[in-house]
Amino acid sequence: MFGLSPTELMIVFVVFILLFGAKRLPEIAKGLGRGLKEFRSELKSLNEPLTKE
C-alpha cells in the first residue's frame, strides 16, 4: 500500500495520534470519508453524459 512497509505505516499512525490527538482522529476520518464520497459522486455525475453517448 503506497510502497510503505507495515513499520512505516505504524510510525505514520503514531505521528498522526501525536499531532491531532486520539479524540480528533475519528472526526478527521469522518470528514475525509464524507469528502471522498462527495468527490466520487461528482465524478460519477460528470461521467454519466460521456457514457450515454
N, C-alpha and C. Protein backbone atom coordinates (compact mmCIF):
# COMPACT_ATOMS: atom_id res chain seq x y z
N MET A 1 0.85 -1.17 0.00
CA MET A 1 0.00 0.00 0.00
C MET A 1 0.90 1.23 0.00
N PHE A 2 0.88 2.01 -1.05
CA PHE A 2 1.65 3.24 -1.22
C PHE A 2 3.15 3.00 -1.09
N GLY A 3 3.59 1.77 -1.22
CA GLY A 3 5.01 1.48 -1.13
C GLY A 3 5.57 1.61 0.28
N LEU A 4 4.71 1.53 1.30
CA LEU A 4 5.15 1.64 2.69
C LEU A 4 5.09 0.29 3.37
N SER A 5 6.10 0.03 4.18
CA SER A 5 6.10 -1.22 4.94
C SER A 5 5.19 -1.06 6.16
N PRO A 6 4.80 -2.16 6.79
CA PRO A 6 3.96 -2.06 7.99
C PRO A 6 4.59 -1.21 9.10
N THR A 7 5.91 -1.27 9.23
CA THR A 7 6.58 -0.48 10.25
C THR A 7 6.42 1.01 9.96
N GLU A 8 6.58 1.39 8.70
CA GLU A 8 6.43 2.80 8.32
C GLU A 8 5.00 3.28 8.53
N LEU A 9 4.03 2.42 8.24
CA LEU A 9 2.63 2.78 8.47
C LEU A 9 2.35 3.01 9.95
N MET A 10 2.94 2.19 10.80
CA MET A 10 2.76 2.37 12.24
C MET A 10 3.37 3.69 12.71
N ILE A 11 4.52 4.04 12.15
CA ILE A 11 5.16 5.31 12.52
C ILE A 11 4.28 6.48 12.10
N VAL A 12 3.73 6.43 10.90
CA VAL A 12 2.84 7.49 10.42
C VAL A 12 1.61 7.58 11.31
N PHE A 13 1.04 6.45 11.70
CA PHE A 13 -0.13 6.43 12.58
C PHE A 13 0.18 7.07 13.93
N VAL A 14 1.33 6.75 14.49
CA VAL A 14 1.72 7.32 15.79
C VAL A 14 1.91 8.83 15.65
N VAL A 15 2.50 9.28 14.56
CA VAL A 15 2.69 10.72 14.35
C VAL A 15 1.33 11.42 14.27
N PHE A 16 0.35 10.82 13.56
CA PHE A 16 -0.99 11.39 13.49
C PHE A 16 -1.62 11.50 14.88
N ILE A 17 -1.45 10.47 15.68
CA ILE A 17 -2.01 10.50 17.03
C ILE A 17 -1.35 11.61 17.85
N LEU A 18 -0.05 11.76 17.70
CA LEU A 18 0.64 12.81 18.45
C LEU A 18 0.24 14.21 17.98
N LEU A 19 0.04 14.38 16.69
CA LEU A 19 -0.31 15.69 16.15
C LEU A 19 -1.75 16.09 16.46
N PHE A 20 -2.68 15.17 16.25
CA PHE A 20 -4.09 15.51 16.34
C PHE A 20 -4.77 15.02 17.61
N GLY A 21 -4.20 14.06 18.27
CA GLY A 21 -4.82 13.51 19.47
C GLY A 21 -5.79 12.40 19.11
N ALA A 22 -5.96 11.47 20.01
CA ALA A 22 -6.80 10.30 19.75
C ALA A 22 -8.27 10.68 19.62
N LYS A 23 -8.70 11.76 20.26
CA LYS A 23 -10.11 12.15 20.19
C LYS A 23 -10.46 12.79 18.87
N ARG A 24 -9.50 13.44 18.21
CA ARG A 24 -9.78 14.15 16.95
C ARG A 24 -9.69 13.23 15.73
N LEU A 25 -8.99 12.11 15.83
CA LEU A 25 -8.82 11.24 14.67
C LEU A 25 -10.13 10.74 14.08
N PRO A 26 -11.11 10.29 14.87
CA PRO A 26 -12.37 9.86 14.26
C PRO A 26 -13.09 10.99 13.52
N GLU A 27 -13.01 12.21 14.06
CA GLU A 27 -13.63 13.34 13.39
C GLU A 27 -12.95 13.62 12.05
N ILE A 28 -11.65 13.56 12.04
CA ILE A 28 -10.89 13.79 10.80
C ILE A 28 -11.20 12.70 9.78
N ALA A 29 -11.27 11.46 10.22
CA ALA A 29 -11.57 10.35 9.31
C ALA A 29 -12.98 10.47 8.75
N LYS A 30 -13.92 10.88 9.58
CA LYS A 30 -15.30 11.05 9.13
C LYS A 30 -15.38 12.15 8.07
N GLY A 31 -14.73 13.27 8.31
CA GLY A 31 -14.71 14.36 7.34
C GLY A 31 -14.05 13.96 6.04
N LEU A 32 -12.96 13.21 6.14
CA LEU A 32 -12.27 12.73 4.94
C LEU A 32 -13.15 11.77 4.16
N GLY A 33 -13.87 10.90 4.87
CA GLY A 33 -14.78 9.97 4.20
C GLY A 33 -15.92 10.68 3.49
N ARG A 34 -16.48 11.70 4.13
CA ARG A 34 -17.55 12.48 3.51
C ARG A 34 -17.05 13.19 2.25
N GLY A 35 -15.87 13.77 2.35
CA GLY A 35 -15.29 14.46 1.20
C GLY A 35 -15.02 13.51 0.05
N LEU A 36 -14.51 12.33 0.35
CA LEU A 36 -14.24 11.33 -0.68
C LEU A 36 -15.53 10.85 -1.32
N LYS A 37 -16.57 10.66 -0.52
CA LYS A 37 -17.87 10.23 -1.04
C LYS A 37 -18.44 11.28 -1.99
N GLU A 38 -18.35 12.55 -1.60
CA GLU A 38 -18.84 13.64 -2.44
C GLU A 38 -18.03 13.73 -3.73
N PHE A 39 -16.72 13.57 -3.64
CA PHE A 39 -15.85 13.61 -4.82
C PHE A 39 -16.22 12.50 -5.79
N ARG A 40 -16.43 11.29 -5.29
CA ARG A 40 -16.80 10.16 -6.16
C ARG A 40 -18.15 10.38 -6.82
N SER A 41 -19.11 10.92 -6.08
CA SER A 41 -20.42 11.16 -6.68
C SER A 41 -20.34 12.23 -7.76
N GLU A 42 -19.51 13.25 -7.56
CA GLU A 42 -19.33 14.27 -8.59
C GLU A 42 -18.65 13.68 -9.82
N LEU A 43 -17.65 12.84 -9.63
CA LEU A 43 -17.01 12.20 -10.76
C LEU A 43 -18.01 11.33 -11.53
N LYS A 44 -18.84 10.62 -10.80
CA LYS A 44 -19.84 9.77 -11.44
C LYS A 44 -20.83 10.60 -12.24
N SER A 45 -21.26 11.74 -11.70
CA SER A 45 -22.21 12.58 -12.42
C SER A 45 -21.56 13.22 -13.64
N LEU A 46 -20.27 13.47 -13.60
CA LEU A 46 -19.58 14.01 -14.78
C LEU A 46 -19.39 12.95 -15.86
N ASN A 47 -19.23 11.69 -15.45
CA ASN A 47 -19.01 10.61 -16.41
C ASN A 47 -20.30 10.12 -17.05
N GLU A 48 -21.45 10.34 -16.43
CA GLU A 48 -22.72 9.83 -16.97
C GLU A 48 -23.01 10.36 -18.38
N PRO A 49 -22.88 11.66 -18.65
CA PRO A 49 -23.14 12.12 -20.02
C PRO A 49 -22.16 11.53 -21.04
N LEU A 50 -20.94 11.26 -20.62
CA LEU A 50 -19.96 10.70 -21.54
C LEU A 50 -20.27 9.25 -21.89
N THR A 51 -20.78 8.49 -20.95
CA THR A 51 -21.07 7.08 -21.19
C THR A 51 -22.36 6.88 -21.97
N LYS A 52 -23.28 7.87 -21.94
CA LYS A 52 -24.53 7.75 -22.68
C LYS A 52 -24.34 7.94 -24.17
N GLU A 53 -23.31 8.68 -24.56
CA GLU A 53 -23.07 8.96 -25.98
C GLU A 53 -22.37 7.87 -26.69
